[in-house]
């Protein structure tokens, strides 16, 4: 009787799955210990007490066979030394090594700029530094697209206890990242906001957090965001490029793409002399030009970086800019 009740309810609620499992003519007993029905996000697990004691062992769900491209990706991923090292270190992703290498590359790049200019780097703002990406251990850092938390963990290791780290993502952070940041003694003050950084409510939350810690602006805005992949590389690249442009507008102001307009004084949240870093996928100068031109107009120094941890065959690149010409002190 119990089994038939489950069957009737399943048939009424999930007719597609019911037809697939034969519930339209379900006998009192099945030959499986458990029946798992799946109709998209719906799951119904019938009681094991409904089934005959003579039922055969449940073989479990059948593993989906990977396509050729997926299998190659999985095999390459498992052999990747950065993936293996990330697991050893308890990092949620290999992205932590990308940011670590970018930090070192920025230091080398800034030193080259000094030598190229005869020992002096043009410094209209008075804020250009040469000791890597995160040269101020007490800085305010806004980490966009933070999940699962590789970049967040690296920044938390760099900043001191007087620093402030605000991470934002549509998805939750990995528990390992949260535990590390919240329980380590020397890590910065930390806040995670789950949501869309483009929404007005999230922007308000960020500004409220800054004010709560007696800041008006951030010194660093970094983004490892990428749009959800569609399978078409150009579409994916253009959608990710749009995220970069949105991040830049958040950093330096909504009018940053207008060559004829000066930035509104209180529009962006990056301090004068601040640093911007974002990930994008190479998609041709005709598409990238707007972003790169806006960065050159608003920052004293900018360059494109490709860390070793980023796979050679990947179109992934990082746009680094420092010495923001607008903004106020934090």
Protein backbone atom coordinates (compact mmCIF):
# COMPACT_ATOMS: atom_id res chain seq x y z
CA UNK A 1 0.00 0.00 0.00
CA UNK A 2 2.82 2.38 0.88
CA UNK A 3 4.53 1.61 -2.40
CA UNK A 4 1.40 2.39 -4.40
CA UNK A 5 1.02 5.72 -2.56
CA UNK A 6 4.55 6.68 -3.59
CA UNK A 7 3.81 5.61 -7.13
CA UNK A 8 0.59 7.62 -7.34
CA UNK A 9 2.28 10.72 -5.95
CA UNK A 10 5.23 10.34 -8.30
CA UNK A 11 2.96 9.84 -11.29
CA UNK A 12 1.00 12.98 -10.46
CA UNK A 13 4.01 15.18 -9.67
CA UNK A 14 6.55 13.99 -12.21
CA UNK A 15 4.70 12.42 -15.17
CA UNK A 16 7.76 12.45 -17.46
CA UNK A 17 9.86 10.50 -14.97
CA UNK A 18 6.93 8.30 -14.05
CA UNK A 19 6.53 7.20 -17.66
CA UNK A 20 10.26 6.58 -17.92
CA UNK A 21 10.29 4.33 -14.85
CA UNK A 22 7.06 2.56 -15.75
CA UNK A 23 4.99 3.96 -12.90
CA UNK A 24 1.96 4.11 -15.16
CA UNK A 25 1.61 0.34 -14.54
CA UNK A 26 3.61 -0.01 -11.37
CA UNK A 27 3.18 -3.33 -9.55
CA UNK A 28 3.14 -3.50 -5.78
CA UNK A 29 6.78 -4.43 -5.61
CA UNK A 30 9.78 -3.56 -7.77
CA UNK A 31 12.96 -5.56 -8.22
CA UNK A 32 15.21 -2.70 -7.06
CA UNK A 33 15.81 -1.71 -3.45
CA UNK A 34 15.46 1.97 -4.30
CA UNK A 35 14.08 3.90 -7.25
CA UNK A 36 15.57 7.30 -7.87
CA UNK A 37 13.49 9.45 -10.15
CA UNK A 38 14.91 12.54 -11.72
CA UNK A 39 13.00 15.06 -13.74
CA UNK A 40 15.39 17.98 -14.11
CA UNK A 41 15.77 19.31 -10.56
CA UNK A 42 13.08 17.12 -8.95
CA UNK A 43 14.13 14.07 -6.95
CA UNK A 44 11.87 11.50 -5.28
CA UNK A 45 13.40 8.69 -3.26
CA UNK A 46 10.99 5.88 -2.42
CA UNK A 47 11.13 4.14 0.91
CA UNK A 48 13.27 1.01 1.06
CA UNK A 49 10.60 -0.63 3.23
CA UNK A 50 8.35 -0.85 0.16
CA UNK A 51 10.46 -3.40 -1.63
CA UNK A 52 10.62 -7.15 -1.56
CA UNK A 53 13.31 -8.87 0.48
CA UNK A 54 14.20 -10.82 -2.64
CA UNK A 55 15.19 -7.66 -4.55
CA UNK A 56 18.53 -7.74 -6.27
CA UNK A 57 21.31 -5.37 -5.23
CA UNK A 58 21.06 -1.80 -6.47
CA UNK A 59 23.74 -1.22 -9.05
CA UNK A 60 23.52 2.56 -8.59
CA UNK A 61 23.33 5.25 -11.24
CA UNK A 62 25.06 4.67 -14.54
CA UNK A 63 28.04 6.96 -15.10
CA UNK A 64 27.63 9.28 -18.03
CA UNK A 65 30.21 8.58 -20.68
CA UNK A 66 32.41 11.59 -21.35
CA UNK A 67 32.77 12.94 -24.85
CA UNK A 68 36.20 12.86 -26.48
CA UNK A 69 36.91 16.53 -25.76
CA UNK A 70 35.68 16.27 -22.16
CA UNK A 71 37.79 13.18 -21.57
CA UNK A 72 40.90 14.92 -22.90
CA UNK A 73 40.22 17.95 -20.69
CA UNK A 74 39.75 15.74 -17.63
CA UNK A 75 42.96 13.83 -18.28
CA UNK A 76 44.92 17.04 -18.86
CA UNK A 77 43.41 18.59 -15.75
CA UNK A 78 44.39 15.65 -13.55
CA UNK A 79 47.98 15.75 -14.84
CA UNK A 80 48.32 19.52 -14.41
CA UNK A 81 51.06 20.26 -11.83
CA UNK A 82 49.25 23.43 -10.71
CA UNK A 83 46.11 21.42 -10.00
CA UNK A 84 48.12 18.91 -7.97
CA UNK A 85 49.89 21.65 -6.01
CA UNK A 86 46.58 23.39 -5.33
CA UNK A 87 45.22 20.21 -3.81
CA UNK A 88 48.31 19.75 -1.67
CA UNK A 89 48.03 23.33 -0.36
CA UNK A 90 44.29 23.03 0.23
CA UNK A 91 43.51 25.72 -2.34
CA UNK A 92 40.09 25.52 -4.00
CA UNK A 93 41.54 26.17 -7.46
CA UNK A 94 44.74 26.57 -9.47
CA UNK A 95 43.90 30.27 -9.95
CA UNK A 96 45.86 31.09 -6.81
CA UNK A 97 49.09 30.41 -8.73
CA UNK A 98 48.05 32.72 -11.55
CA UNK A 99 47.68 35.64 -9.16
CA UNK A 100 50.93 34.76 -7.42
CA UNK A 101 52.76 34.85 -10.76
CA UNK A 102 51.01 38.05 -11.80
CA UNK A 103 52.19 39.63 -8.56
CA UNK A 104 55.79 38.72 -9.43
CA UNK A 105 55.36 39.79 -13.07
CA UNK A 106 54.08 43.21 -12.01
CA UNK A 107 57.18 43.71 -9.87
CA UNK A 108 59.45 42.86 -12.81
CA UNK A 109 57.43 45.00 -15.19
CA UNK A 110 57.59 48.06 -12.93
CA UNK A 111 61.35 47.64 -12.52
CA UNK A 112 61.71 47.53 -16.32
CA UNK A 113 59.70 50.74 -16.59
CA UNK A 114 62.12 52.46 -14.22
CA UNK A 115 65.16 51.35 -16.23
CA UNK A 116 63.55 52.26 -19.53
CA UNK A 117 62.81 55.78 -18.31
CA UNK A 118 66.26 56.37 -16.89
CA UNK A 119 65.47 55.58 -13.28
CA UNK A 120 62.27 57.64 -13.07
CA UNK A 121 58.71 56.45 -13.58
CA UNK A 122 56.22 59.16 -14.57
CA UNK A 123 54.19 59.63 -11.43
CA UNK A 124 51.58 62.35 -11.67
CA UNK A 125 49.59 60.91 -8.78
CA UNK A 126 52.52 60.19 -6.50
CA UNK A 127 51.27 56.65 -5.88
CA UNK A 128 53.17 54.41 -8.29
CA UNK A 129 54.94 51.57 -6.50
CA UNK A 130 57.38 48.94 -7.72
CA UNK A 131 57.09 46.15 -5.14
CA UNK A 132 54.70 43.83 -6.90
CA UNK A 133 50.96 44.00 -7.34
CA UNK A 134 50.00 44.25 -3.66
CA UNK A 135 52.61 46.65 -2.35
CA UNK A 136 50.52 47.89 0.58
CA UNK A 137 49.73 45.27 3.22
CA UNK A 138 47.09 47.54 4.77
CA UNK A 139 45.22 48.09 1.50
CA UNK A 140 41.55 47.76 0.64
CA UNK A 141 40.99 45.09 -2.02
CA UNK A 142 37.77 44.35 -3.91
CA UNK A 143 37.84 40.83 -5.40
CA UNK A 144 35.22 40.38 -8.15
CA UNK A 145 34.23 36.89 -9.28
CA UNK A 146 35.90 35.50 -6.19
CA UNK A 147 34.47 31.96 -6.06
CA UNK A 148 35.70 29.38 -5.38
CA UNK A 149 38.32 31.52 -3.62
CA UNK A 150 41.82 31.04 -5.03
CA UNK A 151 42.47 34.76 -5.47
CA UNK A 152 40.75 35.56 -2.19
CA UNK A 153 43.04 33.19 -0.33
CA UNK A 154 46.17 34.62 -1.95
CA UNK A 155 45.19 38.22 -1.16
CA UNK A 156 44.38 37.22 2.42
CA UNK A 157 47.92 35.86 2.76
CA UNK A 158 49.42 39.11 1.45
CA UNK A 159 47.38 41.67 3.33
CA UNK A 160 47.99 42.38 6.99
CA UNK A 161 45.42 42.44 9.78
CA UNK A 162 44.79 46.14 9.12
CA UNK A 163 43.83 45.47 5.50
CA UNK A 164 40.30 45.03 4.21
CA UNK A 165 39.23 42.36 1.70
CA UNK A 166 35.75 42.35 0.15
CA UNK A 167 34.95 39.38 -2.10
CA UNK A 168 31.92 39.22 -4.41
CA UNK A 169 30.48 36.40 -6.50
CA UNK A 170 27.18 34.95 -7.64
CA UNK A 171 28.32 31.62 -6.17
CA UNK A 172 29.40 30.88 -2.58
CA UNK A 173 33.05 30.65 -1.64
CA UNK A 174 34.66 27.30 -0.99
CA UNK A 175 34.51 26.40 2.72
CA UNK A 176 38.29 26.00 2.82
CA UNK A 177 38.78 29.59 1.76
CA UNK A 178 36.30 30.94 4.30
CA UNK A 179 37.85 28.89 7.09
CA UNK A 180 41.37 30.02 6.22
CA UNK A 181 40.49 33.72 6.06
CA UNK A 182 38.29 33.80 9.14
CA UNK A 183 40.47 31.68 11.45
CA UNK A 184 43.97 32.91 10.55
CA UNK A 185 45.27 35.48 13.01
CA UNK A 186 47.16 37.69 10.57
CA UNK A 187 44.58 37.84 7.77
CA UNK A 188 42.72 41.06 6.93
CA UNK A 189 39.22 42.08 7.85
CA UNK A 190 37.05 40.10 5.50
CA UNK A 191 33.55 40.27 4.03
CA UNK A 192 31.91 38.12 1.38
CA UNK A 193 28.91 39.37 -0.60
CA UNK A 194 26.98 36.85 -2.68
CA UNK A 195 25.30 38.50 -5.64
CA UNK A 196 25.75 40.39 -8.90
CA UNK A 197 28.35 43.15 -8.56
CA UNK A 198 26.50 45.09 -11.26
CA UNK A 199 23.30 45.38 -9.24
CA UNK A 200 22.68 48.62 -7.40
CA UNK A 201 22.02 46.79 -4.13
CA UNK A 202 25.44 45.11 -4.19
CA UNK A 203 27.18 48.38 -5.05
CA UNK A 204 25.40 49.96 -2.09
CA UNK A 205 26.53 47.09 0.16
CA UNK A 206 30.14 47.60 -0.93
CA UNK A 207 30.03 51.33 -0.22
CA UNK A 208 28.38 50.68 3.15
CA UNK A 209 31.12 48.21 4.08
CA UNK A 210 33.82 50.70 3.10
CA UNK A 211 32.21 53.39 5.24
CA UNK A 212 31.81 50.97 8.14
CA UNK A 213 35.61 50.55 8.12
CA UNK A 214 36.21 54.29 7.66
CA UNK A 215 37.06 54.08 3.95
CA UNK A 216 35.51 55.71 0.94
CA UNK A 217 37.36 53.83 -1.79
CA UNK A 218 39.37 50.71 -2.59
CA UNK A 219 43.04 50.68 -3.55
CA UNK A 220 42.77 47.53 -5.67
CA UNK A 221 39.95 46.14 -7.79
CA UNK A 222 40.75 42.74 -9.23
CA UNK A 223 38.58 40.49 -11.37
CA UNK A 224 38.95 36.84 -12.35
CA UNK A 225 35.42 36.72 -13.72
CA UNK A 226 34.43 34.81 -16.81
CA UNK A 227 31.00 34.50 -18.35
CA UNK A 228 29.32 31.10 -18.32
CA UNK A 229 30.67 29.24 -21.32
CA UNK A 230 28.32 28.65 -24.23
CA UNK A 231 30.68 26.49 -26.27
CA UNK A 232 31.34 29.22 -28.81
CA UNK A 233 34.75 30.75 -28.07
CA UNK A 234 34.02 34.17 -29.60
CA UNK A 235 30.72 34.51 -27.77
CA UNK A 236 32.38 33.51 -24.50
CA UNK A 237 35.23 35.99 -25.07
CA UNK A 238 32.89 38.89 -25.85
CA UNK A 239 30.68 38.19 -22.84
CA UNK A 240 33.73 38.04 -20.56
CA UNK A 241 35.02 41.26 -22.12
CA UNK A 242 31.72 42.89 -21.17
CA UNK A 243 32.31 41.85 -17.56
CA UNK A 244 35.74 43.54 -17.71
CA UNK A 245 34.16 46.73 -18.98
CA UNK A 246 31.55 46.60 -16.22
CA UNK A 247 34.30 46.09 -13.63
CA UNK A 248 36.22 49.06 -15.03
CA UNK A 249 33.14 51.27 -14.79
CA UNK A 250 32.68 50.18 -11.18
CA UNK A 251 36.32 51.05 -10.52
CA UNK A 252 36.78 54.38 -12.26
CA UNK A 253 33.32 55.62 -13.23
CA UNK A 254 30.53 54.99 -15.70
CA UNK A 255 31.78 57.60 -18.17
CA UNK A 256 35.23 56.04 -18.57
CA UNK A 257 34.46 54.90 -22.14
CA UNK A 258 33.49 58.36 -23.30
CA UNK A 259 36.60 60.08 -24.67
CA UNK A 260 34.94 63.50 -24.56
CA UNK A 261 33.75 63.30 -20.96
CA UNK A 262 35.64 63.74 -17.71
CA UNK A 263 34.99 61.18 -15.00
CA UNK A 264 32.33 62.07 -12.50
CA UNK A 265 34.06 62.86 -9.25
CA UNK A 266 32.27 60.33 -7.04
CA UNK A 267 31.21 57.78 -9.64
CA UNK A 268 33.92 55.12 -9.21
CA UNK A 269 35.21 53.48 -6.05
CA UNK A 270 38.94 53.26 -6.89
CA UNK A 271 41.26 55.68 -5.11
CA UNK A 272 43.57 58.10 -6.84
CA UNK A 273 46.66 56.10 -7.86
CA UNK A 274 44.77 52.81 -7.51
CA UNK A 275 45.26 49.52 -9.38
CA UNK A 276 42.94 47.55 -11.66
CA UNK A 277 43.37 43.95 -12.85
CA UNK A 278 40.96 41.90 -14.93
CA UNK A 279 40.88 38.65 -16.89
CA UNK A 280 39.72 38.53 -20.48
CA UNK A 281 40.03 36.23 -23.48
CA UNK A 282 41.83 37.38 -26.61
CA UNK A 283 39.24 38.15 -29.27
CA UNK A 284 40.92 40.63 -31.62
CA UNK A 285 41.89 44.28 -31.33
CA UNK A 286 38.64 45.42 -32.89
CA UNK A 287 36.82 44.06 -29.84
CA UNK A 288 39.45 44.74 -27.18
CA UNK A 289 40.28 48.30 -28.24
CA UNK A 290 37.53 50.05 -26.25
CA UNK A 291 38.61 48.45 -22.99
CA UNK A 292 42.33 48.99 -23.53
CA UNK A 293 41.85 52.59 -24.68
CA UNK A 294 39.73 53.42 -21.64
CA UNK A 295 42.39 51.93 -19.37
CA UNK A 296 45.18 53.94 -21.04
CA UNK A 297 43.22 57.18 -20.67
CA UNK A 298 42.55 56.65 -16.98
CA UNK A 299 45.75 54.99 -15.75
CA UNK A 300 49.38 56.02 -16.01
CA UNK A 301 50.70 52.52 -16.70
CA UNK A 302 49.02 49.48 -18.25
CA UNK A 303 50.09 46.20 -19.80
CA UNK A 304 48.80 42.73 -20.71
CA UNK A 305 50.13 39.73 -18.76
CA UNK A 306 50.11 35.99 -19.38
CA UNK A 307 51.19 34.02 -16.26
CA UNK A 308 52.76 30.57 -16.69
CA UNK A 309 49.91 29.00 -14.71
CA UNK A 310 47.56 30.03 -17.52
CA UNK A 311 47.65 27.23 -20.06
CA UNK A 312 49.50 28.05 -23.27
CA UNK A 313 46.64 26.97 -25.48
CA UNK A 314 44.19 29.16 -23.57
CA UNK A 315 43.23 32.62 -24.90
CA UNK A 316 43.16 33.82 -21.28
CA UNK A 317 45.00 37.11 -20.64
CA UNK A 318 45.15 39.66 -17.81
CA UNK A 319 44.96 43.42 -18.20
CA UNK A 320 46.93 45.23 -15.49
CA UNK A 321 46.73 48.98 -14.89
CA UNK A 322 48.00 51.18 -12.07
CA UNK A 323 48.25 54.87 -11.24
CA UNK A 324 44.58 55.80 -11.58
CA UNK A 325 44.42 59.46 -12.55
CA UNK A 326 40.99 60.17 -11.06
CA UNK A 327 39.37 59.44 -7.74
CA UNK A 328 40.13 60.68 -4.25
CA UNK A 329 42.18 59.46 -1.34
CA UNK A 330 40.63 56.59 0.55
